[in-house]
Amino acid sequence: MRRSGLFLVLVWCGTSAGTVAGEEATYVGVKKCKTCHIKVYQTWKETKHALAFDKLSEQEKQDAKCTECHTTGKDVNFPGIQCEACHAPGSKFTSATIMNKKKYSADPEGQRKMALEAGLIIARMRRTASSATMSAVPTTRVLISRRATRR
């Protein structure tokens, strides 16, 4: 009886630990990002990406086909093409442990590594030939380092 009880406890702990670790990241929104990245936010808020949802009619704002592209995460609570559309949902990398200016100043590579391991995608910006807006393109180095941390 004792062994089976211990076995059940170990199975339960393993299952619940896997669930927490396996939870998908969720979107936190531009308001969370702008608290630390105000200069980037000030530039972004005037772009076509930021205003994408505002360009829709009231009827289009209710249409899933439209909101799929004109919101972040296909969610009208995150209107426009926000930070996380390129950098991934931020719930796992926006904690004060990871996004911390003092810790970043002391150990930029360590903080960067933690953010990448938590799911942050670092994108380099380039202008597209067809528009004056910026387009994020994930860098190969980041994609390789993200794959390496998943193994």
C-alpha atoms as a PDB file:
ATOM      1  CA  MET A   1       0.000   0.000   0.000  1.00  0.00           C
ATOM      2  CA  ARG A   2       2.834   2.404   0.846  1.00  0.00           C
ATOM      3  CA  ARG A   3       4.568   1.759  -2.451  1.00  0.00           C
ATOM      4  CA  SER A   4       1.447   2.318  -4.508  1.00  0.00           C
ATOM      5  CA  GLY A   5       0.770   5.570  -2.590  1.00  0.00           C
ATOM      6  CA  LEU A   6       4.305   6.780  -3.285  1.00  0.00           C
ATOM      7  CA  PHE A   7       3.940   5.778  -6.926  1.00  0.00           C
ATOM      8  CA  LEU A   8       0.702   7.798  -7.234  1.00  0.00           C
ATOM      9  CA  VAL A   9       2.354  10.859  -5.660  1.00  0.00           C
ATOM     10  CA  LEU A  10       5.297  10.618  -8.066  1.00  0.00           C
ATOM     11  CA  VAL A  11       2.983  10.209 -11.065  1.00  0.00           C
ATOM     12  CA  TRP A  12       0.860  13.185  -9.972  1.00  0.00           C
ATOM     13  CA  CYS A  13       3.921  15.406  -9.432  1.00  0.00           C
ATOM     14  CA  GLY A  14       5.353  14.447 -12.799  1.00  0.00           C
ATOM     15  CA  THR A  15       2.058  15.122 -14.539  1.00  0.00           C
ATOM     16  CA  SER A  16       1.478  18.510 -12.944  1.00  0.00           C
ATOM     17  CA  ALA A  17       5.078  19.593 -13.523  1.00  0.00           C
ATOM     18  CA  GLY A  18       4.756  18.659 -17.192  1.00  0.00           C
ATOM     19  CA  THR A  19       1.542  20.632 -17.489  1.00  0.00           C
ATOM     20  CA  VAL A  20       3.077  23.805 -16.095  1.00  0.00           C
ATOM     21  CA  ALA A  21       6.206  23.506 -18.206  1.00  0.00           C
ATOM     22  CA  GLY A  22       4.150  22.618 -21.289  1.00  0.00           C
ATOM     23  CA  GLU A  23       1.690  25.506 -21.031  1.00  0.00           C
ATOM     24  CA  GLU A  24       1.646  27.666 -24.118  1.00  0.00           C
ATOM     25  CA  ALA A  25       2.662  31.285 -23.822  1.00  0.00           C
ATOM     26  CA  THR A  26      -0.137  33.825 -24.087  1.00  0.00           C
ATOM     27  CA  TYR A  27      -0.242  37.342 -25.454  1.00  0.00           C
ATOM     28  CA  VAL A  28       0.253  40.205 -22.984  1.00  0.00           C
ATOM     29  CA  GLY A  29      -0.192  43.143 -25.349  1.00  0.00           C
ATOM     30  CA  VAL A  30       1.702  46.264 -26.326  1.00  0.00           C
ATOM     31  CA  LYS A  31       0.867  48.036 -23.039  1.00  0.00           C
ATOM     32  CA  LYS A  32       3.152  45.590 -21.226  1.00  0.00           C
ATOM     33  CA  CYS A  33       5.940  46.041 -23.779  1.00  0.00           C
ATOM     34  CA  LYS A  34       5.821  49.836 -23.803  1.00  0.00           C
ATOM     35  CA  THR A  35       6.568  50.100 -20.074  1.00  0.00           C
ATOM     36  CA  CYS A  36      10.208  49.327 -20.866  1.00  0.00           C
ATOM     37  CA  HIS A  37      10.398  49.984 -24.603  1.00  0.00           C
ATOM     38  CA  ILE A  38       8.781  53.422 -24.786  1.00  0.00           C
ATOM     39  CA  LYS A  39      10.920  54.764 -27.654  1.00  0.00           C
ATOM     40  CA  VAL A  40      10.105  51.761 -29.822  1.00  0.00           C
ATOM     41  CA  TYR A  41       6.438  52.100 -28.878  1.00  0.00           C
ATOM     42  CA  GLN A  42       6.375  55.811 -29.806  1.00  0.00           C
ATOM     43  CA  THR A  43       7.682  54.958 -33.273  1.00  0.00           C
ATOM     44  CA  TRP A  44       5.452  51.899 -33.721  1.00  0.00           C
ATOM     45  CA  LYS A  45       2.169  53.593 -32.761  1.00  0.00           C
ATOM     46  CA  GLU A  46       2.297  55.734 -35.929  1.00  0.00           C
ATOM     47  CA  THR A  47       2.935  52.814 -38.298  1.00  0.00           C
ATOM     48  CA  LYS A  48       0.549  50.954 -40.580  1.00  0.00           C
ATOM     49  CA  HIS A  49       1.004  47.925 -38.334  1.00  0.00           C
ATOM     50  CA  ALA A  50      -0.287  49.761 -35.287  1.00  0.00           C
ATOM     51  CA  LEU A  51      -3.236  51.211 -37.207  1.00  0.00           C
ATOM     52  CA  ALA A  52      -4.195  48.025 -39.085  1.00  0.00           C
ATOM     53  CA  PHE A  53      -7.268  47.265 -36.966  1.00  0.00           C
ATOM     54  CA  ASP A  54      -8.460  50.897 -37.031  1.00  0.00           C
ATOM     55  CA  LYS A  55      -8.649  50.760 -40.843  1.00  0.00           C
ATOM     56  CA  LEU A  56     -11.396  48.111 -40.690  1.00  0.00           C
ATOM     57  CA  SER A  57     -15.095  48.955 -40.809  1.00  0.00           C
ATOM     58  CA  GLU A  58     -17.240  47.979 -37.824  1.00  0.00           C
ATOM     59  CA  GLN A  59     -18.533  44.994 -39.792  1.00  0.00           C
ATOM     60  CA  GLU A  60     -14.980  43.894 -40.717  1.00  0.00           C
ATOM     61  CA  LYS A  61     -13.938  44.133 -37.057  1.00  0.00           C
ATOM     62  CA  GLN A  62     -16.462  41.343 -36.375  1.00  0.00           C
ATOM     63  CA  ASP A  63     -15.257  39.178 -39.272  1.00  0.00           C
ATOM     64  CA  ALA A  64     -12.704  36.497 -38.314  1.00  0.00           C
ATOM     65  CA  LYS A  65     -11.219  36.602 -41.822  1.00  0.00           C
ATOM     66  CA  CYS A  66     -10.295  40.263 -41.256  1.00  0.00           C
ATOM     67  CA  THR A  67      -9.241  40.092 -37.620  1.00  0.00           C
ATOM     68  CA  GLU A  68      -6.930  37.191 -38.378  1.00  0.00           C
ATOM     69  CA  CYS A  69      -4.542  39.600 -40.093  1.00  0.00           C
ATOM     70  CA  HIS A  70      -5.459  42.932 -38.500  1.00  0.00           C
ATOM     71  CA  THR A  71      -4.941  41.865 -34.874  1.00  0.00           C
ATOM     72  CA  THR A  72      -2.227  40.164 -32.898  1.00  0.00           C
ATOM     73  CA  GLY A  73      -2.985  36.564 -32.045  1.00  0.00           C
ATOM     74  CA  LYS A  74      -6.299  36.784 -33.942  1.00  0.00           C
ATOM     75  CA  ASP A  75      -7.678  38.552 -30.858  1.00  0.00           C
ATOM     76  CA  VAL A  76      -9.548  41.874 -31.055  1.00  0.00           C
ATOM     77  CA  ASN A  77      -8.271  42.629 -27.544  1.00  0.00           C
ATOM     78  CA  PHE A  78      -4.862  43.076 -29.220  1.00  0.00           C
ATOM     79  CA  PRO A  79      -5.705  45.370 -32.146  1.00  0.00           C
ATOM     80  CA  GLY A  80      -3.116  45.972 -34.844  1.00  0.00           C
ATOM     81  CA  ILE A  81       0.129  44.167 -35.496  1.00  0.00           C
ATOM     82  CA  GLN A  82       1.719  44.466 -32.062  1.00  0.00           C
ATOM     83  CA  CYS A  83       5.176  43.516 -30.776  1.00  0.00           C
ATOM     84  CA  GLU A  84       4.246  39.897 -30.124  1.00  0.00           C
ATOM     85  CA  ALA A  85       3.221  39.302 -33.732  1.00  0.00           C
ATOM     86  CA  CYS A  86       6.962  39.120 -34.486  1.00  0.00           C
ATOM     87  CA  HIS A  87       8.508  38.474 -31.081  1.00  0.00           C
ATOM     88  CA  ALA A  88       6.094  35.673 -29.979  1.00  0.00           C
ATOM     89  CA  PRO A  89       3.505  35.695 -27.184  1.00  0.00           C
ATOM     90  CA  GLY A  90       5.181  37.331 -24.193  1.00  0.00           C
ATOM     91  CA  SER A  91       3.719  35.793 -21.045  1.00  0.00           C
ATOM     92  CA  LYS A  92       6.815  33.662 -20.442  1.00  0.00           C
ATOM     93  CA  PHE A  93       9.515  36.256 -21.193  1.00  0.00           C
ATOM     94  CA  THR A  94       8.027  39.506 -19.864  1.00  0.00           C
ATOM     95  CA  SER A  95       8.416  38.662 -16.194  1.00  0.00           C
ATOM     96  CA  ALA A  96      10.504  40.976 -14.003  1.00  0.00           C
ATOM     97  CA  THR A  97      13.065  38.174 -13.700  1.00  0.00           C
ATOM     98  CA  ILE A  98      13.787  38.296 -17.430  1.00  0.00           C
ATOM     99  CA  MET A  99      12.826  41.808 -18.568  1.00  0.00           C
ATOM    100  CA  ASN A 100      14.785  43.715 -15.969  1.00  0.00           C
ATOM    101  CA  LYS A 101      16.966  46.716 -16.860  1.00  0.00           C
ATOM    102  CA  LYS A 102      19.316  46.344 -13.872  1.00  0.00           C
ATOM    103  CA  LYS A 103      19.872  42.644 -14.501  1.00  0.00           C
ATOM    104  CA  TYR A 104      20.292  43.296 -18.220  1.00  0.00           C
ATOM    105  CA  SER A 105      22.919  45.991 -17.535  1.00  0.00           C
ATOM    106  CA  ALA A 106      24.835  43.579 -15.306  1.00  0.00           C
ATOM    107  CA  ASP A 107      24.564  40.522 -17.584  1.00  0.00           C
ATOM    108  CA  PRO A 108      23.141  41.258 -21.046  1.00  0.00           C
ATOM    109  CA  GLU A 109      24.039  37.876 -22.539  1.00  0.00           C
ATOM    110  CA  GLY A 110      22.589  35.968 -19.576  1.00  0.00           C
ATOM    111  CA  GLN A 111      19.335  37.934 -19.691  1.00  0.00           C
ATOM    112  CA  ARG A 112      19.148  37.555 -23.473  1.00  0.00           C
ATOM    113  CA  LYS A 113      19.656  33.804 -23.155  1.00  0.00           C
ATOM    114  CA  MET A 114      16.881  33.573 -20.539  1.00  0.00           C
ATOM    115  CA  ALA A 115      14.504  35.521 -22.785  1.00  0.00           C
ATOM    116  CA  LEU A 116      15.281  33.290 -25.777  1.00  0.00           C
ATOM    117  CA  GLU A 117      14.788  30.165 -23.688  1.00  0.00           C
ATOM    118  CA  ALA A 118      11.436  31.554 -22.530  1.00  0.00           C
ATOM    119  CA  GLY A 119      10.337  31.968 -26.151  1.00  0.00           C
ATOM    120  CA  LEU A 120      11.377  35.473 -27.228  1.00  0.00           C
ATOM    121  CA  ILE A 121      12.116  35.762 -30.934  1.00  0.00           C
ATOM    122  CA  ILE A 122      14.567  38.532 -31.714  1.00  0.00           C
ATOM    123  CA  ALA A 123      13.946  39.938 -35.163  1.00  0.00           C
ATOM    124  CA  ARG A 124      16.055  42.251 -37.246  1.00  0.00           C
ATOM    125  CA  MET A 125      14.177  44.979 -39.015  1.00  0.00           C
ATOM    126  CA  ARG A 126      14.293  45.735 -42.719  1.00  0.00           C
ATOM    127  CA  ARG A 127      12.271  47.889 -45.029  1.00  0.00           C
ATOM    128  CA  THR A 128      10.177  46.045 -47.546  1.00  0.00           C
ATOM    129  CA  ALA A 129      10.359  47.057 -51.187  1.00  0.00           C
ATOM    130  CA  SER A 130       6.592  47.510 -51.409  1.00  0.00           C
ATOM    131  CA  SER A 131       6.039  49.814 -48.424  1.00  0.00           C
ATOM    132  CA  ALA A 132       7.623  52.261 -46.055  1.00  0.00           C
ATOM    133  CA  THR A 133       6.624  50.185 -43.025  1.00  0.00           C
ATOM    134  CA  MET A 134       9.081  48.004 -41.203  1.00  0.00           C
ATOM    135  CA  SER A 135       8.957  44.235 -41.498  1.00  0.00           C
ATOM    136  CA  ALA A 136      10.400  41.862 -38.935  1.00  0.00           C
ATOM    137  CA  VAL A 137      12.428  38.934 -40.189  1.00  0.00           C
ATOM    138  CA  PRO A 138      13.676  36.423 -37.592  1.00  0.00           C
ATOM    139  CA  THR A 139      17.427  36.038 -37.813  1.00  0.00           C
ATOM    140  CA  THR A 140      18.964  32.643 -38.496  1.00  0.00           C
ATOM    141  CA  ARG A 141      21.165  32.920 -35.389  1.00  0.00           C
ATOM    142  CA  VAL A 142      18.144  33.333 -33.140  1.00  0.00           C
ATOM    143  CA  LEU A 143      16.238  30.483 -34.747  1.00  0.00           C
ATOM    144  CA  ILE A 144      19.229  28.184 -34.358  1.00  0.00           C
ATOM    145  CA  SER A 145      19.710  29.160 -30.700  1.00  0.00           C
ATOM    146  CA  ARG A 146      15.982  28.597 -30.018  1.00  0.00           C
ATOM    147  CA  ARG A 147      16.196  25.116 -31.545  1.00  0.00           C
ATOM    148  CA  ALA A 148      19.266  24.316 -29.472  1.00  0.00           C
ATOM    149  CA  THR A 149      17.524  25.247 -26.217  1.00  0.00           C
ATOM    150  CA  ARG A 150      14.555  22.988 -26.990  1.00  0.00           C
ATOM    151  CA  ARG A 151      16.647  19.814 -27.142  1.00  0.00           C
END
